[in-house]
Amino acid sequence: MSRHLSDDELIDRLYGLGDRVHDCAECDRRLQAMERRRAEIASSTPVSGDFLAGQRRGIYSRLGQPPKPRLSWAPATVGALCVAAAGLIAYHSSPRTTAPLPVAAPHSVSHADPAADAQLFSDVYAMEQSAEPRAAAPIHALIEEN
């Protein structure tokens, strides 16, 4: 007894790709059922001219109308509003400190001391003219320690 043909093999035979020689009655019955179904699907039913004219009239009437507005922006707007609301909730629910920040105690240097002012201006000018960023200073401290 030979093996049964798979559906793929039967479809190949239906479209003339496989050999038609097979001695199994069940496979032959399945192939004939596929051929009948193919014939049913391929047969065209006549469509009336009135039906086609109605379709054309519907298309022409829609062509004259302005296009319907698309709401493709709506999900993005809803998402942005949700993010803004979450941000506001997080901002308002965070604890706030109402105590004033501590102020550094004034130095014993008087403002009338020109040497202190000159030193201050010199330091500020040196910091401003330095090509090295301030963030690199800790690295230099590490290198000097070793």
N, C-alpha and C. Protein backbone atom coordinates (compact mmCIF):
# COMPACT_ATOMS: atom_id res chain seq x y z
N MET A 1 0.85 -1.18 0.00
CA MET A 1 0.00 0.00 0.00
C MET A 1 0.89 1.24 0.00
N SER A 2 0.54 2.23 -0.79
CA SER A 2 1.34 3.46 -0.88
C SER A 2 0.86 4.46 0.16
N ARG A 3 1.68 5.42 0.42
CA ARG A 3 1.32 6.44 1.42
C ARG A 3 0.32 7.42 0.84
N HIS A 4 -0.39 8.12 1.72
CA HIS A 4 -1.34 9.14 1.28
C HIS A 4 -0.59 10.41 0.94
N LEU A 5 -1.13 11.17 0.01
CA LEU A 5 -0.53 12.44 -0.40
C LEU A 5 -0.91 13.53 0.60
N SER A 6 0.02 14.42 0.84
CA SER A 6 -0.27 15.55 1.73
C SER A 6 -1.11 16.57 0.95
N ASP A 7 -1.64 17.54 1.68
CA ASP A 7 -2.44 18.58 1.03
C ASP A 7 -1.58 19.37 0.04
N ASP A 8 -0.32 19.65 0.39
CA ASP A 8 0.57 20.37 -0.53
C ASP A 8 0.78 19.58 -1.81
N GLU A 9 0.97 18.29 -1.70
CA GLU A 9 1.16 17.46 -2.90
C GLU A 9 -0.12 17.42 -3.74
N LEU A 10 -1.27 17.39 -3.08
CA LEU A 10 -2.54 17.41 -3.82
C LEU A 10 -2.74 18.74 -4.53
N ILE A 11 -2.37 19.82 -3.89
CA ILE A 11 -2.51 21.14 -4.51
C ILE A 11 -1.57 21.24 -5.71
N ASP A 12 -0.35 20.69 -5.58
CA ASP A 12 0.57 20.66 -6.72
C ASP A 12 -0.07 19.91 -7.89
N ARG A 13 -0.68 18.79 -7.62
CA ARG A 13 -1.34 18.00 -8.68
C ARG A 13 -2.54 18.75 -9.24
N LEU A 14 -3.23 19.49 -8.40
CA LEU A 14 -4.40 20.24 -8.84
C LEU A 14 -4.01 21.27 -9.90
N TYR A 15 -2.85 21.88 -9.73
CA TYR A 15 -2.38 22.89 -10.67
C TYR A 15 -1.41 22.34 -11.71
N GLY A 16 -1.29 21.01 -11.80
CA GLY A 16 -0.50 20.39 -12.85
C GLY A 16 0.99 20.35 -12.58
N LEU A 17 1.42 20.48 -11.35
CA LEU A 17 2.84 20.47 -11.04
C LEU A 17 3.34 19.08 -10.69
N GLY A 18 2.53 18.24 -10.18
CA GLY A 18 2.95 16.89 -9.80
C GLY A 18 2.44 15.88 -10.82
N ASP A 19 2.96 14.65 -10.74
CA ASP A 19 2.46 13.62 -11.66
C ASP A 19 1.08 13.14 -11.20
N ARG A 20 0.25 12.81 -12.14
CA ARG A 20 -1.12 12.44 -11.84
C ARG A 20 -1.27 10.96 -11.46
N VAL A 21 -0.21 10.21 -11.54
CA VAL A 21 -0.29 8.78 -11.28
C VAL A 21 -0.20 8.54 -9.78
N HIS A 22 -1.30 8.04 -9.21
CA HIS A 22 -1.34 7.68 -7.80
C HIS A 22 -2.50 6.71 -7.65
N ASP A 23 -2.26 5.60 -7.01
CA ASP A 23 -3.27 4.54 -6.98
C ASP A 23 -4.05 4.46 -5.68
N CYS A 24 -4.24 5.59 -5.01
CA CYS A 24 -4.98 5.60 -3.74
C CYS A 24 -6.36 6.21 -3.98
N ALA A 25 -7.39 5.48 -3.63
CA ALA A 25 -8.76 5.95 -3.86
C ALA A 25 -9.08 7.15 -2.97
N GLU A 26 -8.60 7.13 -1.73
CA GLU A 26 -8.88 8.25 -0.82
C GLU A 26 -8.23 9.54 -1.31
N CYS A 27 -6.96 9.47 -1.76
CA CYS A 27 -6.27 10.65 -2.28
C CYS A 27 -6.97 11.15 -3.55
N ASP A 28 -7.44 10.22 -4.39
CA ASP A 28 -8.13 10.59 -5.61
C ASP A 28 -9.45 11.30 -5.27
N ARG A 29 -10.14 10.83 -4.24
CA ARG A 29 -11.38 11.47 -3.80
C ARG A 29 -11.11 12.88 -3.28
N ARG A 30 -10.05 13.05 -2.51
CA ARG A 30 -9.68 14.38 -1.99
C ARG A 30 -9.31 15.33 -3.13
N LEU A 31 -8.59 14.81 -4.14
CA LEU A 31 -8.20 15.63 -5.29
C LEU A 31 -9.43 16.06 -6.08
N GLN A 32 -10.38 15.16 -6.27
CA GLN A 32 -11.61 15.51 -6.99
C GLN A 32 -12.41 16.56 -6.22
N ALA A 33 -12.43 16.46 -4.88
CA ALA A 33 -13.13 17.46 -4.07
C ALA A 33 -12.46 18.83 -4.23
N MET A 34 -11.14 18.83 -4.28
CA MET A 34 -10.42 20.09 -4.49
C MET A 34 -10.71 20.66 -5.87
N GLU A 35 -10.80 19.81 -6.88
CA GLU A 35 -11.10 20.27 -8.24
C GLU A 35 -12.51 20.85 -8.32
N ARG A 36 -13.47 20.20 -7.64
CA ARG A 36 -14.84 20.74 -7.63
C ARG A 36 -14.88 22.11 -6.95
N ARG A 37 -14.17 22.23 -5.83
CA ARG A 37 -14.15 23.51 -5.09
C ARG A 37 -13.48 24.60 -5.92
N ARG A 38 -12.44 24.24 -6.62
CA ARG A 38 -11.74 25.20 -7.48
C ARG A 38 -12.68 25.67 -8.59
N ALA A 39 -13.44 24.74 -9.17
CA ALA A 39 -14.38 25.10 -10.23
C ALA A 39 -15.48 26.02 -9.69
N GLU A 40 -15.96 25.77 -8.46
CA GLU A 40 -16.98 26.62 -7.86
C GLU A 40 -16.46 28.04 -7.66
N ILE A 41 -15.25 28.13 -7.18
CA ILE A 41 -14.67 29.44 -6.91
C ILE A 41 -14.39 30.19 -8.21
N ALA A 42 -13.92 29.45 -9.22
CA ALA A 42 -13.54 30.08 -10.48
C ALA A 42 -14.75 30.52 -11.29
N SER A 43 -15.90 29.87 -11.07
CA SER A 43 -17.07 30.26 -11.85
C SER A 43 -17.50 31.65 -11.43
N SER A 44 -17.75 32.48 -12.42
CA SER A 44 -18.12 33.86 -12.10
C SER A 44 -19.63 33.99 -12.14
N THR A 45 -20.16 34.67 -11.18
CA THR A 45 -21.59 34.93 -11.17
C THR A 45 -21.78 36.29 -11.83
N PRO A 46 -22.73 36.40 -12.67
CA PRO A 46 -22.92 37.69 -13.37
C PRO A 46 -23.37 38.77 -12.39
N VAL A 47 -22.79 39.94 -12.55
CA VAL A 47 -23.13 41.08 -11.70
C VAL A 47 -23.97 42.02 -12.56
N SER A 48 -25.05 42.50 -11.99
CA SER A 48 -25.96 43.35 -12.77
C SER A 48 -25.34 44.73 -13.00
N GLY A 49 -25.76 45.35 -14.07
CA GLY A 49 -25.28 46.70 -14.38
C GLY A 49 -25.76 47.71 -13.37
N ASP A 50 -26.94 47.47 -12.78
CA ASP A 50 -27.47 48.40 -11.77
C ASP A 50 -26.58 48.39 -10.53
N PHE A 51 -26.11 47.20 -10.16
CA PHE A 51 -25.24 47.11 -8.98
C PHE A 51 -23.95 47.89 -9.23
N LEU A 52 -23.34 47.71 -10.40
CA LEU A 52 -22.10 48.43 -10.72
C LEU A 52 -22.33 49.93 -10.84
N ALA A 53 -23.47 50.33 -11.39
CA ALA A 53 -23.78 51.76 -11.49
C ALA A 53 -23.96 52.36 -10.10
N GLY A 54 -24.58 51.63 -9.20
CA GLY A 54 -24.73 52.11 -7.82
C GLY A 54 -23.39 52.29 -7.13
N GLN A 55 -22.48 51.36 -7.39
CA GLN A 55 -21.13 51.50 -6.83
C GLN A 55 -20.46 52.75 -7.36
N ARG A 56 -20.56 52.98 -8.67
CA ARG A 56 -19.95 54.16 -9.28
C ARG A 56 -20.54 55.45 -8.71
N ARG A 57 -21.84 55.50 -8.56
CA ARG A 57 -22.49 56.69 -8.00
C ARG A 57 -22.00 56.95 -6.58
N GLY A 58 -21.86 55.89 -5.78
CA GLY A 58 -21.35 56.05 -4.41
C GLY A 58 -19.93 56.59 -4.40
N ILE A 59 -19.11 56.10 -5.31
CA ILE A 59 -17.72 56.58 -5.37
C ILE A 59 -17.69 58.04 -5.79
N TYR A 60 -18.47 58.40 -6.81
CA TYR A 60 -18.49 59.79 -7.28
C TYR A 60 -19.00 60.73 -6.19
N SER A 61 -19.99 60.30 -5.43
CA SER A 61 -20.52 61.18 -4.38
C SER A 61 -19.48 61.38 -3.27
N ARG A 62 -18.71 60.36 -2.98
CA ARG A 62 -17.66 60.51 -1.95
C ARG A 62 -16.50 61.36 -2.45
N LEU A 63 -16.25 61.36 -3.75
CA LEU A 63 -15.15 62.17 -4.30
C LEU A 63 -15.43 63.66 -4.14
N GLY A 64 -16.69 64.05 -4.18
CA GLY A 64 -17.04 65.46 -4.05
C GLY A 64 -17.03 65.95 -2.62
N GLN A 65 -17.00 65.08 -1.65
CA GLN A 65 -17.03 65.48 -0.25
C GLN A 65 -15.64 65.77 0.26
N PRO A 66 -15.53 66.69 1.23
CA PRO A 66 -14.21 66.92 1.83
C PRO A 66 -13.78 65.68 2.62
N PRO A 67 -12.49 65.44 2.70
CA PRO A 67 -12.02 64.24 3.42
C PRO A 67 -12.36 64.34 4.91
N LYS A 68 -12.58 63.18 5.49
CA LYS A 68 -12.86 63.13 6.92
C LYS A 68 -11.59 63.44 7.69
N PRO A 69 -11.70 64.22 8.76
CA PRO A 69 -10.48 64.54 9.52
C PRO A 69 -9.93 63.30 10.20
N ARG A 70 -8.62 63.20 10.16
CA ARG A 70 -7.97 62.08 10.82
C ARG A 70 -7.58 62.49 12.22
N LEU A 71 -7.71 61.59 13.11
CA LEU A 71 -7.35 61.86 14.50
C LEU A 71 -6.07 61.12 14.87
N SER A 72 -5.10 61.14 13.96
CA SER A 72 -3.85 60.43 14.24
C SER A 72 -3.03 61.15 15.30
N TRP A 73 -3.28 62.42 15.53
CA TRP A 73 -2.54 63.16 16.53
C TRP A 73 -3.11 62.95 17.93
N ALA A 74 -4.30 62.41 18.02
CA ALA A 74 -4.97 62.27 19.32
C ALA A 74 -4.20 61.38 20.30
N PRO A 75 -3.70 60.21 19.91
CA PRO A 75 -2.97 59.40 20.89
C PRO A 75 -1.71 60.08 21.41
N ALA A 76 -1.01 60.81 20.54
CA ALA A 76 0.19 61.51 20.98
C ALA A 76 -0.16 62.62 21.97
N THR A 77 -1.26 63.31 21.73
CA THR A 77 -1.68 64.38 22.64
C THR A 77 -2.08 63.80 23.99
N VAL A 78 -2.80 62.71 23.98
CA VAL A 78 -3.20 62.07 25.24
C VAL A 78 -1.96 61.61 26.01
N GLY A 79 -1.00 61.05 25.30
CA GLY A 79 0.24 60.61 25.96
C GLY A 79 0.99 61.78 26.57
N ALA A 80 1.08 62.89 25.84
CA ALA A 80 1.78 64.07 26.36
C ALA A 80 1.07 64.63 27.59
N LEU A 81 -0.25 64.64 27.56
CA LEU A 81 -1.00 65.12 28.72
C LEU A 81 -0.80 64.21 29.93
N CYS A 82 -0.73 62.91 29.70
CA CYS A 82 -0.49 61.98 30.82
C CYS A 82 0.89 62.20 31.42
N VAL A 83 1.88 62.41 30.57
CA VAL A 83 3.24 62.66 31.07
C VAL A 83 3.28 63.96 31.85
N ALA A 84 2.61 65.00 31.34
CA ALA A 84 2.58 66.29 32.05
C ALA A 84 1.87 66.15 33.39
N ALA A 85 0.77 65.40 33.42
CA ALA A 85 0.04 65.21 34.68
C ALA A 85 0.89 64.43 35.68
N ALA A 86 1.59 63.41 35.21
CA ALA A 86 2.46 62.65 36.11
C ALA A 86 3.59 63.53 36.65
N GLY A 87 4.12 64.40 35.80
CA GLY A 87 5.17 65.32 36.26
C GLY A 87 4.65 66.28 37.31
N LEU A 88 3.45 66.82 37.10
CA LEU A 88 2.87 67.73 38.08
C LEU A 88 2.59 67.03 39.41
N ILE A 89 2.09 65.81 39.32
CA ILE A 89 1.82 65.06 40.55
C ILE A 89 3.12 64.79 41.30
N ALA A 90 4.16 64.40 40.58
CA ALA A 90 5.44 64.14 41.23
C ALA A 90 6.03 65.42 41.81
N TYR A 91 5.85 66.53 41.11
CA TYR A 91 6.38 67.81 41.60
C TYR A 91 5.67 68.26 42.86
N HIS A 92 4.35 68.13 42.87
CA HIS A 92 3.59 68.59 44.03
C HIS A 92 3.66 67.62 45.22
N SER A 93 3.96 66.37 44.97
CA SER A 93 4.01 65.42 46.07
C SER A 93 5.39 65.32 46.70
N SER A 94 6.40 65.95 46.09
CA SER A 94 7.75 65.89 46.67
C SER A 94 7.81 66.79 47.91
N PRO A 95 8.54 66.35 48.95
CA PRO A 95 8.61 67.16 50.18
C PRO A 95 9.38 68.46 49.91
N ARG A 96 8.88 69.50 50.51
CA ARG A 96 9.51 70.82 50.33
C ARG A 96 10.14 71.24 51.65
N THR A 97 11.30 71.83 51.55
CA THR A 97 11.95 72.37 52.75
C THR A 97 11.66 73.86 52.78
N THR A 98 11.11 74.30 53.89
CA THR A 98 10.80 75.72 54.02
C THR A 98 11.84 76.42 54.88
N ALA A 99 12.75 75.64 55.46
CA ALA A 99 13.78 76.26 56.29
C ALA A 99 14.79 76.96 55.38
N PRO A 100 15.28 78.11 55.81
CA PRO A 100 16.25 78.82 54.97
C PRO A 100 17.56 78.04 54.92
N LEU A 101 18.25 78.20 53.82
CA LEU A 101 19.54 77.56 53.67
C LEU A 101 20.57 78.22 54.59
N PRO A 102 21.51 77.44 55.11
CA PRO A 102 22.50 78.05 56.00
C PRO A 102 23.40 79.01 55.23
N VAL A 103 23.71 80.10 55.89
CA VAL A 103 24.57 81.13 55.28
C VAL A 103 25.95 81.00 55.90
N ALA A 104 26.96 81.07 55.05
CA ALA A 104 28.33 80.96 55.54
C ALA A 104 28.68 82.17 56.40
N ALA A 105 29.45 81.92 57.43
CA ALA A 105 29.86 83.01 58.33
C ALA A 105 30.85 83.92 57.59
N PRO A 106 30.73 85.20 57.78
CA PRO A 106 31.64 86.12 57.10
C PRO A 106 33.07 85.92 57.58
N HIS A 107 34.00 86.11 56.66
CA HIS A 107 35.42 85.97 57.01
C HIS A 107 35.87 87.20 57.77
N SER A 108 37.01 87.05 58.39
CA SER A 108 37.53 88.15 59.19
C SER A 108 38.23 89.20 58.32
N VAL A 109 38.20 88.99 57.00
CA VAL A 109 38.86 89.95 56.11
C VAL A 109 37.93 91.13 55.91
N SER A 110 38.46 92.30 56.06
CA SER A 110 37.63 93.49 55.85
C SER A 110 37.59 93.80 54.37
N HIS A 111 36.54 94.46 53.98
CA HIS A 111 36.38 94.79 52.57
C HIS A 111 37.28 95.93 52.16
N ALA A 112 37.83 96.56 53.07
CA ALA A 112 38.71 97.69 52.74
C ALA A 112 40.14 97.23 52.48
N ASP A 113 40.43 95.96 52.67
CA ASP A 113 41.79 95.45 52.49
C ASP A 113 42.07 95.27 50.99
N PRO A 114 42.91 96.09 50.40
CA PRO A 114 43.18 96.00 48.97
C PRO A 114 43.94 94.73 48.60
N ALA A 115 44.74 94.17 49.54
CA ALA A 115 45.48 92.95 49.23
C ALA A 115 44.52 91.77 49.06
N ALA A 116 43.49 91.70 49.89
CA ALA A 116 42.51 90.63 49.79
C ALA A 116 41.73 90.75 48.49
N ASP A 117 41.38 91.99 48.13
CA ASP A 117 40.67 92.21 46.87
C ASP A 117 41.56 91.83 45.68
N ALA A 118 42.80 92.18 45.74
CA ALA A 118 43.72 91.86 44.65
C ALA A 118 43.88 90.35 44.52
N GLN A 119 43.98 89.66 45.67
CA GLN A 119 44.10 88.20 45.64
C GLN A 119 42.83 87.57 45.05
N LEU A 120 41.68 88.09 45.45
CA LEU A 120 40.42 87.59 44.93
C LEU A 120 40.35 87.77 43.41
N PHE A 121 40.67 88.96 42.94
CA PHE A 121 40.63 89.22 41.49
C PHE A 121 41.63 88.35 40.75
N SER A 122 42.77 88.13 41.36
CA SER A 122 43.80 87.30 40.74
C SER A 122 43.32 85.85 40.62
N ASP A 123 42.70 85.35 41.66
CA ASP A 123 42.17 83.97 41.63
C ASP A 123 41.05 83.82 40.59
N VAL A 124 40.16 84.78 40.56
CA VAL A 124 39.06 84.72 39.60
C VAL A 124 39.60 84.79 38.18
N TYR A 125 40.57 85.68 37.94
CA TYR A 125 41.15 85.81 36.60
C TYR A 125 41.87 84.52 36.21
N ALA A 126 42.58 83.90 37.15
CA ALA A 126 43.29 82.66 36.85
C ALA A 126 42.31 81.54 36.52
N MET A 127 41.19 81.49 37.25
CA MET A 127 40.19 80.47 36.96
C MET A 127 39.56 80.71 35.59
N GLU A 128 39.34 81.96 35.25
CA GLU A 128 38.70 82.29 33.99
C GLU A 128 39.63 82.02 32.81
N GLN A 129 40.91 82.25 32.96
CA GLN A 129 41.87 82.08 31.88
C GLN A 129 42.36 80.65 31.73
N SER A 130 42.10 79.80 32.69
CA SER A 130 42.58 78.43 32.65
C SER A 130 41.84 77.65 31.55
N ALA A 131 42.60 76.94 30.73
CA ALA A 131 42.01 76.14 29.66
C ALA A 131 41.51 74.80 30.20
N GLU A 132 41.92 74.47 31.39
CA GLU A 132 41.54 73.20 31.99
C GLU A 132 40.20 73.33 32.69
N PRO A 133 39.28 72.42 32.47
CA PRO A 133 38.00 72.49 33.14
C PRO A 133 38.14 72.23 34.64
N ARG A 134 37.20 72.78 35.39
CA ARG A 134 37.24 72.63 36.84
C ARG A 134 37.07 71.18 37.26
N ALA A 135 36.40 70.39 36.46
CA ALA A 135 36.15 69.00 36.79
C ALA A 135 37.43 68.18 36.77
N ALA A 136 38.50 68.67 36.14
CA ALA A 136 39.75 67.93 36.06
C ALA A 136 40.60 68.10 37.30
N ALA A 137 40.27 69.03 38.18
CA ALA A 137 41.07 69.28 39.37
C ALA A 137 41.18 68.06 40.27
N PRO A 138 40.14 67.28 40.54
CA PRO A 138 40.30 66.10 41.38
C PRO A 138 41.26 65.07 40.77
N ILE A 139 41.33 64.99 39.48
CA ILE A 139 42.26 64.06 38.85
C ILE A 139 43.70 64.47 39.15
N HIS A 140 43.97 65.77 39.07
CA HIS A 140 45.32 66.25 39.39
C HIS A 140 45.67 65.99 40.83
N ALA A 141 44.69 66.11 41.73
CA ALA A 141 44.95 65.82 43.13
C ALA A 141 45.33 64.35 43.32
N LEU A 142 44.70 63.46 42.59
CA LEU A 142 45.02 62.04 42.68
C LEU A 142 46.43 61.77 42.16
N ILE A 143 46.78 62.43 41.08
CA ILE A 143 48.09 62.21 40.50
C ILE A 143 49.18 62.75 41.42
N GLU A 144 48.92 63.90 42.05
CA GLU A 144 49.94 64.47 42.95
C GLU A 144 50.13 63.62 44.18
N GLU A 145 49.10 62.91 44.65
CA GLU A 145 49.23 62.08 45.84
C GLU A 145 50.15 60.88 45.57
N ASN A 146 50.13 60.34 44.37
CA ASN A 146 50.92 59.15 44.05
C ASN A 146 52.22 59.53 43.54
